[in-house]
């Protein structure tokens, strides 16, 4: 069973990561958890609401609950079983939000894709429907658009040029 532990926000993004690290340490030390080889999501990430989370696999959910309770973490986190596929990572920081990478990373605020030039909606790259080649259909307004990587892809300091993908009216 793949399990996700999500930290309830404390109001301090750094402290949220500290809570996740402490919970993770106690789980690894005191319960039978492991990296799921079918869905290897390593590290702590942020979801669409910018909450810190991490995932692991266990056949002993009662032990996870016991460790969370015994080590004082139960009130600070949410636990749920996860079945959705692991999504794409942010090209800038490696954060995995969920099954679909949003247009802007909630961890580092890197812009993956520009808004649709027709309807101006923020649409994840994976949500566009490919018609053929670089021609796609916007899922919001159904207009035909072209997707291309931004040029130049890298700036002089070696960082990605934002947005990584540019959406243009076809």
N, C-alpha and C. Protein backbone atom coordinates (compact mmCIF):
# COMPACT_ATOMS: atom_id res chain seq x y z
N UNK A 1 0.84 -1.18 0.00
CA UNK A 1 0.00 0.00 0.00
C UNK A 1 0.89 1.24 0.00
N UNK A 2 0.66 2.15 -0.96
CA UNK A 2 1.40 3.41 -1.00
C UNK A 2 0.65 4.41 -0.14
N UNK A 3 1.39 5.07 0.73
CA UNK A 3 0.81 5.99 1.70
C UNK A 3 1.43 7.37 1.54
N UNK A 4 0.60 8.40 1.68
CA UNK A 4 1.08 9.78 1.65
C UNK A 4 0.87 10.41 3.02
N UNK A 5 1.92 11.02 3.53
CA UNK A 5 1.85 11.81 4.76
C UNK A 5 1.95 13.27 4.34
N UNK A 6 0.93 14.06 4.66
CA UNK A 6 0.91 15.48 4.33
C UNK A 6 0.93 16.28 5.62
N UNK A 7 1.86 17.24 5.70
CA UNK A 7 1.99 18.08 6.89
C UNK A 7 0.91 19.14 6.87
N UNK A 8 0.22 19.28 7.99
CA UNK A 8 -0.74 20.38 8.13
C UNK A 8 0.07 21.67 8.23
N UNK A 9 -0.26 22.69 7.44
CA UNK A 9 0.55 23.91 7.41
C UNK A 9 0.70 24.57 8.78
N UNK A 10 1.91 24.99 9.06
CA UNK A 10 2.21 25.68 10.32
C UNK A 10 2.27 27.18 10.13
N UNK A 11 2.24 27.63 8.87
CA UNK A 11 2.40 29.06 8.58
C UNK A 11 3.84 29.41 8.23
N UNK A 12 4.73 28.44 8.34
CA UNK A 12 6.16 28.64 8.03
C UNK A 12 6.60 27.48 7.14
N UNK A 13 6.89 27.77 5.87
CA UNK A 13 7.24 26.73 4.90
C UNK A 13 8.45 25.93 5.35
N UNK A 14 9.43 26.59 5.96
CA UNK A 14 10.63 25.90 6.43
C UNK A 14 10.28 24.96 7.58
N UNK A 15 9.45 25.41 8.49
CA UNK A 15 9.04 24.57 9.61
C UNK A 15 8.24 23.36 9.12
N UNK A 16 7.43 23.54 8.07
CA UNK A 16 6.68 22.42 7.51
C UNK A 16 7.64 21.33 7.03
N UNK A 17 8.73 21.73 6.40
CA UNK A 17 9.73 20.76 5.95
C UNK A 17 10.41 20.08 7.14
N UNK A 18 10.64 20.83 8.20
CA UNK A 18 11.23 20.26 9.41
C UNK A 18 10.31 19.22 10.03
N UNK A 19 9.01 19.52 10.08
CA UNK A 19 8.02 18.56 10.60
C UNK A 19 8.05 17.29 9.74
N UNK A 20 8.05 17.45 8.41
CA UNK A 20 8.08 16.29 7.52
C UNK A 20 9.33 15.46 7.76
N UNK A 21 10.47 16.11 7.94
CA UNK A 21 11.72 15.38 8.18
C UNK A 21 11.66 14.60 9.50
N UNK A 22 11.10 15.20 10.54
CA UNK A 22 11.00 14.52 11.84
C UNK A 22 10.04 13.32 11.76
N UNK A 23 8.91 13.50 11.08
CA UNK A 23 7.95 12.40 10.93
C UNK A 23 8.60 11.28 10.13
N UNK A 24 9.25 11.63 9.06
CA UNK A 24 9.91 10.65 8.20
C UNK A 24 10.96 9.86 8.99
N UNK A 25 11.77 10.56 9.75
CA UNK A 25 12.82 9.91 10.56
C UNK A 25 12.21 8.91 11.53
N UNK A 26 11.15 9.31 12.23
CA UNK A 26 10.54 8.41 13.20
C UNK A 26 9.87 7.21 12.52
N UNK A 27 9.26 7.43 11.36
CA UNK A 27 8.65 6.31 10.65
C UNK A 27 9.70 5.31 10.18
N UNK A 28 10.79 5.81 9.59
CA UNK A 28 11.85 4.91 9.10
C UNK A 28 12.47 4.13 10.26
N UNK A 29 12.62 4.77 11.40
CA UNK A 29 13.28 4.13 12.54
C UNK A 29 12.39 3.17 13.31
N UNK A 30 11.08 3.41 13.33
CA UNK A 30 10.21 2.67 14.24
C UNK A 30 9.05 1.92 13.59
N UNK A 31 9.00 1.85 12.26
CA UNK A 31 7.93 1.11 11.61
C UNK A 31 8.43 0.52 10.29
N UNK A 32 7.76 -0.49 9.77
CA UNK A 32 8.18 -1.12 8.51
C UNK A 32 7.67 -0.36 7.29
N UNK A 33 8.38 0.70 6.91
CA UNK A 33 8.05 1.46 5.71
C UNK A 33 9.21 1.35 4.74
N UNK A 34 8.93 1.53 3.45
CA UNK A 34 9.97 1.43 2.44
C UNK A 34 9.58 2.26 1.22
N UNK A 35 10.57 2.51 0.36
CA UNK A 35 10.29 3.17 -0.91
C UNK A 35 9.54 2.16 -1.78
N UNK A 36 8.46 2.61 -2.40
CA UNK A 36 7.68 1.74 -3.28
C UNK A 36 8.41 1.62 -4.61
N UNK A 37 8.92 0.43 -4.96
CA UNK A 37 9.69 0.31 -6.21
C UNK A 37 8.86 0.57 -7.46
N UNK A 38 7.54 0.39 -7.39
CA UNK A 38 6.69 0.67 -8.55
C UNK A 38 6.39 2.16 -8.72
N UNK A 39 6.52 2.92 -7.63
CA UNK A 39 6.26 4.37 -7.64
C UNK A 39 7.32 5.06 -6.81
N UNK A 40 8.56 5.10 -7.29
CA UNK A 40 9.65 5.63 -6.47
C UNK A 40 9.64 7.16 -6.38
N UNK A 41 8.98 7.69 -5.40
CA UNK A 41 8.92 9.12 -5.17
C UNK A 41 9.76 9.41 -3.93
N UNK A 42 10.97 9.86 -4.14
CA UNK A 42 11.89 10.10 -3.03
C UNK A 42 11.77 11.54 -2.55
N UNK A 43 12.05 11.76 -1.30
CA UNK A 43 12.11 13.11 -0.77
C UNK A 43 10.77 13.69 -0.38
N UNK A 44 10.84 14.92 0.09
CA UNK A 44 9.65 15.67 0.48
C UNK A 44 9.29 16.60 -0.65
N UNK A 45 8.00 16.67 -0.98
CA UNK A 45 7.51 17.49 -2.08
C UNK A 45 6.41 18.41 -1.57
N UNK A 46 5.87 19.24 -2.46
CA UNK A 46 4.73 20.10 -2.11
C UNK A 46 3.59 19.83 -3.08
N UNK A 47 2.37 19.76 -2.53
CA UNK A 47 1.19 19.52 -3.35
C UNK A 47 0.66 20.84 -3.90
N UNK A 48 -0.49 20.80 -4.56
CA UNK A 48 -1.06 22.00 -5.18
C UNK A 48 -1.40 23.10 -4.17
N UNK A 49 -1.62 22.72 -2.91
CA UNK A 49 -1.91 23.72 -1.87
C UNK A 49 -0.63 24.15 -1.14
N UNK A 50 0.53 23.77 -1.70
CA UNK A 50 1.85 24.10 -1.16
C UNK A 50 2.14 23.43 0.18
N UNK A 51 1.42 22.34 0.48
CA UNK A 51 1.66 21.59 1.71
C UNK A 51 2.77 20.57 1.48
N UNK A 52 3.67 20.44 2.45
CA UNK A 52 4.76 19.46 2.35
C UNK A 52 4.19 18.05 2.50
N UNK A 53 4.71 17.11 1.69
CA UNK A 53 4.28 15.72 1.80
C UNK A 53 5.41 14.79 1.37
N UNK A 54 5.30 13.53 1.78
CA UNK A 54 6.18 12.47 1.29
C UNK A 54 5.38 11.19 1.21
N UNK A 55 5.88 10.25 0.40
CA UNK A 55 5.18 8.98 0.20
C UNK A 55 6.11 7.83 0.49
N UNK A 56 5.49 6.70 0.85
CA UNK A 56 6.23 5.47 1.11
C UNK A 56 5.27 4.31 0.95
N UNK A 57 5.81 3.11 1.03
CA UNK A 57 5.00 1.90 0.92
C UNK A 57 5.07 1.15 2.24
N UNK A 58 3.94 0.59 2.65
CA UNK A 58 3.92 -0.22 3.86
C UNK A 58 2.77 -1.22 3.78
N UNK A 59 2.98 -2.34 4.38
CA UNK A 59 1.91 -3.33 4.52
C UNK A 59 1.33 -3.29 5.92
N UNK A 60 1.78 -2.31 6.72
CA UNK A 60 1.40 -2.23 8.12
C UNK A 60 0.90 -0.83 8.48
N UNK A 61 -0.27 -0.43 7.97
CA UNK A 61 -0.77 0.91 8.26
C UNK A 61 -1.03 1.16 9.75
N UNK A 62 -1.37 0.10 10.50
CA UNK A 62 -1.59 0.28 11.93
C UNK A 62 -0.30 0.67 12.65
N UNK A 63 0.82 0.15 12.18
CA UNK A 63 2.12 0.51 12.76
C UNK A 63 2.46 1.97 12.47
N UNK A 64 2.12 2.43 11.27
CA UNK A 64 2.34 3.84 10.92
C UNK A 64 1.52 4.72 11.85
N UNK A 65 0.26 4.38 12.04
CA UNK A 65 -0.61 5.14 12.94
C UNK A 65 -0.05 5.15 14.36
N UNK A 66 0.44 3.99 14.83
CA UNK A 66 1.02 3.90 16.17
C UNK A 66 2.23 4.82 16.32
N UNK A 67 3.12 4.79 15.34
CA UNK A 67 4.33 5.63 15.42
C UNK A 67 3.94 7.11 15.40
N UNK A 68 3.01 7.48 14.56
CA UNK A 68 2.57 8.88 14.51
C UNK A 68 2.00 9.31 15.86
N UNK A 69 1.23 8.44 16.47
CA UNK A 69 0.64 8.75 17.77
C UNK A 69 1.71 8.78 18.86
N UNK A 70 2.53 7.73 18.94
CA UNK A 70 3.53 7.60 20.01
C UNK A 70 4.59 8.69 19.98
N UNK A 71 4.90 9.21 18.82
CA UNK A 71 5.96 10.21 18.70
C UNK A 71 5.42 11.63 18.52
N UNK A 72 4.13 11.82 18.77
CA UNK A 72 3.53 13.15 18.80
C UNK A 72 3.29 13.81 17.46
N UNK A 73 3.16 13.02 16.40
CA UNK A 73 2.97 13.59 15.07
C UNK A 73 1.52 13.52 14.57
N UNK A 74 0.67 12.76 15.23
CA UNK A 74 -0.68 12.47 14.72
C UNK A 74 -1.49 13.74 14.43
N UNK A 75 -1.38 14.75 15.25
CA UNK A 75 -2.15 15.98 15.07
C UNK A 75 -1.52 16.92 14.04
N UNK A 76 -0.29 16.65 13.64
CA UNK A 76 0.44 17.55 12.74
C UNK A 76 0.41 17.12 11.29
N UNK A 77 -0.14 15.90 11.04
CA UNK A 77 -0.11 15.39 9.67
C UNK A 77 -1.44 14.74 9.30
N UNK A 78 -1.63 14.58 7.99
CA UNK A 78 -2.76 13.82 7.44
C UNK A 78 -2.18 12.60 6.75
N UNK A 79 -2.84 11.46 6.89
CA UNK A 79 -2.38 10.22 6.28
C UNK A 79 -3.47 9.71 5.35
N UNK A 80 -3.05 9.32 4.13
CA UNK A 80 -4.03 8.73 3.22
C UNK A 80 -3.33 7.77 2.27
N UNK A 81 -4.11 6.80 1.82
CA UNK A 81 -3.63 5.85 0.83
C UNK A 81 -3.66 6.54 -0.54
N UNK A 82 -2.64 6.27 -1.36
CA UNK A 82 -2.53 6.92 -2.66
C UNK A 82 -2.53 5.85 -3.74
N UNK A 83 -3.37 6.07 -4.75
CA UNK A 83 -3.42 5.14 -5.87
C UNK A 83 -3.10 5.81 -7.20
N UNK A 84 -3.21 7.15 -7.26
CA UNK A 84 -2.96 7.82 -8.53
C UNK A 84 -1.49 7.70 -8.92
N UNK A 85 -1.19 7.78 -10.21
CA UNK A 85 0.19 7.64 -10.66
C UNK A 85 1.04 8.83 -10.22
N UNK A 86 2.33 8.58 -10.12
CA UNK A 86 3.27 9.65 -9.81
C UNK A 86 3.40 10.51 -11.06
N UNK A 87 3.33 11.83 -10.90
CA UNK A 87 3.37 12.73 -12.05
C UNK A 87 4.76 13.18 -12.41
N UNK A 88 4.81 14.15 -13.32
CA UNK A 88 6.07 14.72 -13.75
C UNK A 88 6.67 15.61 -12.67
N UNK A 89 7.98 15.68 -12.65
CA UNK A 89 8.68 16.54 -11.70
C UNK A 89 8.90 17.92 -12.32
N UNK A 90 8.94 18.95 -11.48
CA UNK A 90 9.28 20.29 -11.92
C UNK A 90 10.70 20.26 -12.49
N UNK A 91 10.88 20.86 -13.65
CA UNK A 91 12.19 20.88 -14.28
C UNK A 91 13.20 21.69 -13.49
N UNK A 92 12.72 22.61 -12.68
CA UNK A 92 13.61 23.49 -11.94
C UNK A 92 14.06 22.89 -10.61
N UNK A 93 13.12 22.35 -9.82
CA UNK A 93 13.48 21.90 -8.47
C UNK A 93 13.24 20.41 -8.22
N UNK A 94 12.57 19.72 -9.15
CA UNK A 94 12.31 18.29 -8.98
C UNK A 94 11.08 17.97 -8.17
N UNK A 95 10.33 18.97 -7.73
CA UNK A 95 9.11 18.74 -6.96
C UNK A 95 8.07 17.99 -7.79
N UNK A 96 7.41 17.03 -7.15
CA UNK A 96 6.31 16.30 -7.78
C UNK A 96 5.04 16.67 -7.02
N UNK A 97 4.14 17.37 -7.70
CA UNK A 97 2.91 17.86 -7.07
C UNK A 97 1.89 16.75 -6.92
N UNK A 98 1.72 15.98 -7.95
CA UNK A 98 0.71 14.92 -8.00
C UNK A 98 0.73 14.35 -9.40
N UNK A 99 -0.37 13.76 -9.85
CA UNK A 99 -0.39 13.14 -11.16
C UNK A 99 -0.22 14.13 -12.32
N UNK A 100 -0.58 15.40 -12.12
CA UNK A 100 -0.46 16.41 -13.18
C UNK A 100 0.35 17.59 -12.64
N UNK A 101 1.41 17.95 -13.37
CA UNK A 101 2.23 19.10 -13.01
C UNK A 101 1.47 20.38 -13.33
N UNK A 102 1.24 21.25 -12.36
CA UNK A 102 0.50 22.49 -12.64
C UNK A 102 1.36 23.47 -13.45
N UNK A 103 0.74 24.50 -14.02
CA UNK A 103 1.50 25.47 -14.81
C UNK A 103 2.62 26.15 -14.02
N UNK A 104 2.43 26.33 -12.72
CA UNK A 104 3.45 26.96 -11.88
C UNK A 104 3.71 26.03 -10.69
N UNK A 105 4.97 25.72 -10.45
CA UNK A 105 5.34 24.82 -9.35
C UNK A 105 5.02 25.46 -8.00
N UNK A 106 4.31 24.76 -7.13
CA UNK A 106 3.98 25.33 -5.82
C UNK A 106 5.18 25.36 -4.87
N UNK A 107 6.27 24.70 -5.23
CA UNK A 107 7.45 24.69 -4.38
C UNK A 107 8.38 25.86 -4.69
N UNK A 108 8.80 25.98 -5.96
CA UNK A 108 9.78 27.01 -6.33
C UNK A 108 9.18 28.11 -7.19
N UNK A 109 7.91 27.97 -7.56
CA UNK A 109 7.17 28.95 -8.37
C UNK A 109 7.71 29.09 -9.79
N UNK A 110 8.37 28.05 -10.28
CA UNK A 110 8.85 28.02 -11.66
C UNK A 110 7.66 27.83 -12.59
N UNK A 111 7.62 28.61 -13.66
CA UNK A 111 6.52 28.52 -14.63
C UNK A 111 6.88 27.49 -15.69
N UNK A 112 6.11 26.39 -15.72
CA UNK A 112 6.33 25.33 -16.69
C UNK A 112 5.76 25.70 -18.06
N UNK A 113 4.59 26.33 -18.08
CA UNK A 113 3.90 26.61 -19.35
C UNK A 113 3.15 27.94 -19.24
N UNK A 114 3.11 28.66 -20.35
CA UNK A 114 2.38 29.93 -20.36
C UNK A 114 0.87 29.66 -20.43
N UNK A 115 0.10 30.68 -20.13
CA UNK A 115 -1.36 30.56 -20.20
C UNK A 115 -1.80 30.44 -21.66
N UNK A 116 -2.99 29.90 -21.87
CA UNK A 116 -3.55 29.80 -23.21
C UNK A 116 -3.71 31.23 -23.75
N UNK A 117 -3.20 31.52 -24.96
CA UNK A 117 -3.29 32.88 -25.49
C UNK A 117 -4.71 33.27 -25.93
N UNK A 118 -5.60 32.30 -26.05
CA UNK A 118 -6.97 32.58 -26.48
C UNK A 118 -7.87 32.87 -25.27
N UNK A 119 -7.90 31.95 -24.32
CA UNK A 119 -8.81 32.10 -23.17
C UNK A 119 -8.11 32.60 -21.90
N UNK A 120 -6.77 32.61 -21.92
CA UNK A 120 -5.95 33.09 -20.81
C UNK A 120 -6.05 32.23 -19.56
N UNK A 121 -6.56 31.00 -19.69
CA UNK A 121 -6.59 30.07 -18.57
C UNK A 121 -5.21 29.46 -18.35
N UNK A 122 -4.89 29.19 -17.11
CA UNK A 122 -3.67 28.48 -16.75
C UNK A 122 -3.98 26.99 -16.89
N UNK A 123 -3.38 26.34 -17.87
CA UNK A 123 -3.69 24.95 -18.17
C UNK A 123 -2.41 24.13 -18.07
N UNK A 124 -2.41 23.04 -17.31
CA UNK A 124 -1.23 22.17 -17.25
C UNK A 124 -0.88 21.62 -18.63
N UNK A 125 0.40 21.45 -18.86
CA UNK A 125 0.87 20.96 -20.16
C UNK A 125 0.21 19.64 -20.55
N UNK A 126 0.05 18.71 -19.58
CA UNK A 126 -0.52 17.39 -19.88
C UNK A 126 -2.00 17.45 -20.23
N UNK A 127 -2.66 18.57 -19.96
CA UNK A 127 -4.10 18.67 -20.21
C UNK A 127 -4.45 19.04 -21.64
N UNK A 128 -3.48 19.57 -22.39
CA UNK A 128 -3.73 19.88 -23.79
C UNK A 128 -3.87 18.59 -24.58
N UNK A 129 -4.76 18.57 -25.58
CA UNK A 129 -4.97 17.40 -26.43
C UNK A 129 -4.18 17.58 -27.72
N UNK A 130 -3.31 16.62 -27.99
CA UNK A 130 -2.50 16.68 -29.21
C UNK A 130 -3.37 16.39 -30.44
N UNK A 131 -3.27 17.28 -31.41
CA UNK A 131 -3.95 17.08 -32.69
C UNK A 131 -2.95 16.45 -33.66
N UNK A 132 -1.73 16.94 -33.62
CA UNK A 132 -0.66 16.41 -34.47
C UNK A 132 0.53 17.33 -34.43
N UNK A 133 1.74 16.76 -34.38
CA UNK A 133 2.96 17.56 -34.32
C UNK A 133 2.95 18.48 -33.11
N UNK A 134 3.10 19.78 -33.35
CA UNK A 134 3.09 20.75 -32.25
C UNK A 134 1.72 21.41 -32.09
N UNK A 135 0.70 20.90 -32.79
CA UNK A 135 -0.65 21.45 -32.74
C UNK A 135 -1.47 20.73 -31.67
N UNK A 136 -2.09 21.52 -30.78
CA UNK A 136 -2.86 20.99 -29.65
C UNK A 136 -4.19 21.72 -29.56
N UNK A 137 -5.09 21.18 -28.71
CA UNK A 137 -6.37 21.81 -28.44
C UNK A 137 -6.42 22.14 -26.95
N UNK A 138 -6.79 23.38 -26.65
CA UNK A 138 -6.92 23.82 -25.25
C UNK A 138 -8.16 23.15 -24.65
N UNK A 139 -8.04 22.54 -23.47
CA UNK A 139 -9.21 21.89 -22.87
C UNK A 139 -10.25 22.86 -22.33
N UNK A 140 -9.88 24.13 -22.19
CA UNK A 140 -10.82 25.13 -21.67
C UNK A 140 -11.67 25.76 -22.76
N UNK A 141 -11.00 26.27 -23.80
CA UNK A 141 -11.73 27.00 -24.85
C UNK A 141 -11.81 26.25 -26.17
N UNK A 142 -11.13 25.09 -26.25
CA UNK A 142 -11.15 24.21 -27.42
C UNK A 142 -10.50 24.84 -28.66
N UNK A 143 -9.74 25.91 -28.46
CA UNK A 143 -9.02 26.54 -29.57
C UNK A 143 -7.79 25.73 -29.90
N UNK A 144 -7.38 25.82 -31.17
CA UNK A 144 -6.14 25.18 -31.57
C UNK A 144 -4.98 26.10 -31.23
N UNK A 145 -3.96 25.50 -30.59
CA UNK A 145 -2.77 26.25 -30.18
C UNK A 145 -1.53 25.44 -30.53
N UNK A 146 -0.40 26.09 -30.55
CA UNK A 146 0.88 25.42 -30.76
C UNK A 146 1.69 25.51 -29.47
N UNK A 147 2.31 24.38 -29.12
CA UNK A 147 3.20 24.34 -27.96
C UNK A 147 4.62 24.19 -28.46
N UNK A 148 5.52 24.97 -27.89
CA UNK A 148 6.93 24.87 -28.24
C UNK A 148 7.76 25.21 -27.01
N UNK A 149 8.98 24.68 -26.99
CA UNK A 149 9.89 25.04 -25.90
C UNK A 149 10.35 26.47 -26.11
N UNK A 150 10.51 27.19 -25.00
CA UNK A 150 10.96 28.57 -25.03
C UNK A 150 12.39 28.63 -25.57
N UNK A 151 12.66 29.64 -26.37
CA UNK A 151 14.01 29.83 -26.91
C UNK A 151 14.53 31.17 -26.47
N UNK A 152 15.73 31.25 -25.94
CA UNK A 152 16.58 30.11 -25.64
C UNK A 152 16.02 29.37 -24.43
N UNK A 153 16.29 28.08 -24.35
CA UNK A 153 15.79 27.29 -23.24
C UNK A 153 16.51 27.65 -21.93
N UNK A 154 17.80 27.99 -22.04
CA UNK A 154 18.59 28.32 -20.86
C UNK A 154 19.05 29.77 -20.91
N UNK A 155 19.07 30.39 -19.76
CA UNK A 155 19.57 31.76 -19.64
C UNK A 155 21.09 31.72 -19.46
N UNK A 156 21.71 32.87 -19.49
CA UNK A 156 23.17 32.97 -19.38
C UNK A 156 23.72 32.39 -18.09
N UNK A 157 22.93 32.39 -17.03
CA UNK A 157 23.41 31.85 -15.75
C UNK A 157 23.15 30.35 -15.61
N UNK A 158 22.64 29.72 -16.68
CA UNK A 158 22.42 28.27 -16.67
C UNK A 158 21.05 27.85 -16.20
N UNK A 159 20.21 28.79 -15.79
CA UNK A 159 18.86 28.44 -15.34
C UNK A 159 17.92 28.39 -16.55
N UNK A 160 16.78 27.71 -16.36
CA UNK A 160 15.78 27.62 -17.42
C UNK A 160 15.15 28.99 -17.66
N UNK A 161 14.84 29.27 -18.91
CA UNK A 161 14.09 30.45 -19.30
C UNK A 161 12.61 30.14 -19.06
N UNK A 162 11.92 30.99 -18.33
CA UNK A 162 10.51 30.75 -18.02
C UNK A 162 9.62 31.51 -18.99
N UNK A 163 8.51 30.92 -19.38
CA UNK A 163 8.06 29.56 -19.12
C UNK A 163 8.88 28.57 -19.95
N UNK A 164 8.94 27.35 -19.49
CA UNK A 164 9.65 26.32 -20.23
C UNK A 164 8.96 26.05 -21.56
N UNK A 165 7.63 25.99 -21.54
CA UNK A 165 6.82 25.75 -22.75
C UNK A 165 5.97 26.98 -23.02
N UNK A 166 6.01 27.44 -24.27
CA UNK A 166 5.23 28.61 -24.70
C UNK A 166 4.03 28.12 -25.50
N UNK A 167 2.84 28.66 -25.18
CA UNK A 167 1.62 28.33 -25.91
C UNK A 167 1.32 29.51 -26.83
N UNK A 168 1.14 29.22 -28.12
CA UNK A 168 0.88 30.26 -29.11
C UNK A 168 -0.41 29.95 -29.86
N UNK A 169 -1.11 31.00 -30.28
CA UNK A 169 -2.33 30.80 -31.05
C UNK A 169 -1.96 30.21 -32.41
N UNK A 170 -2.71 29.20 -32.84
CA UNK A 170 -2.40 28.52 -34.11
C UNK A 170 -2.95 29.28 -35.30
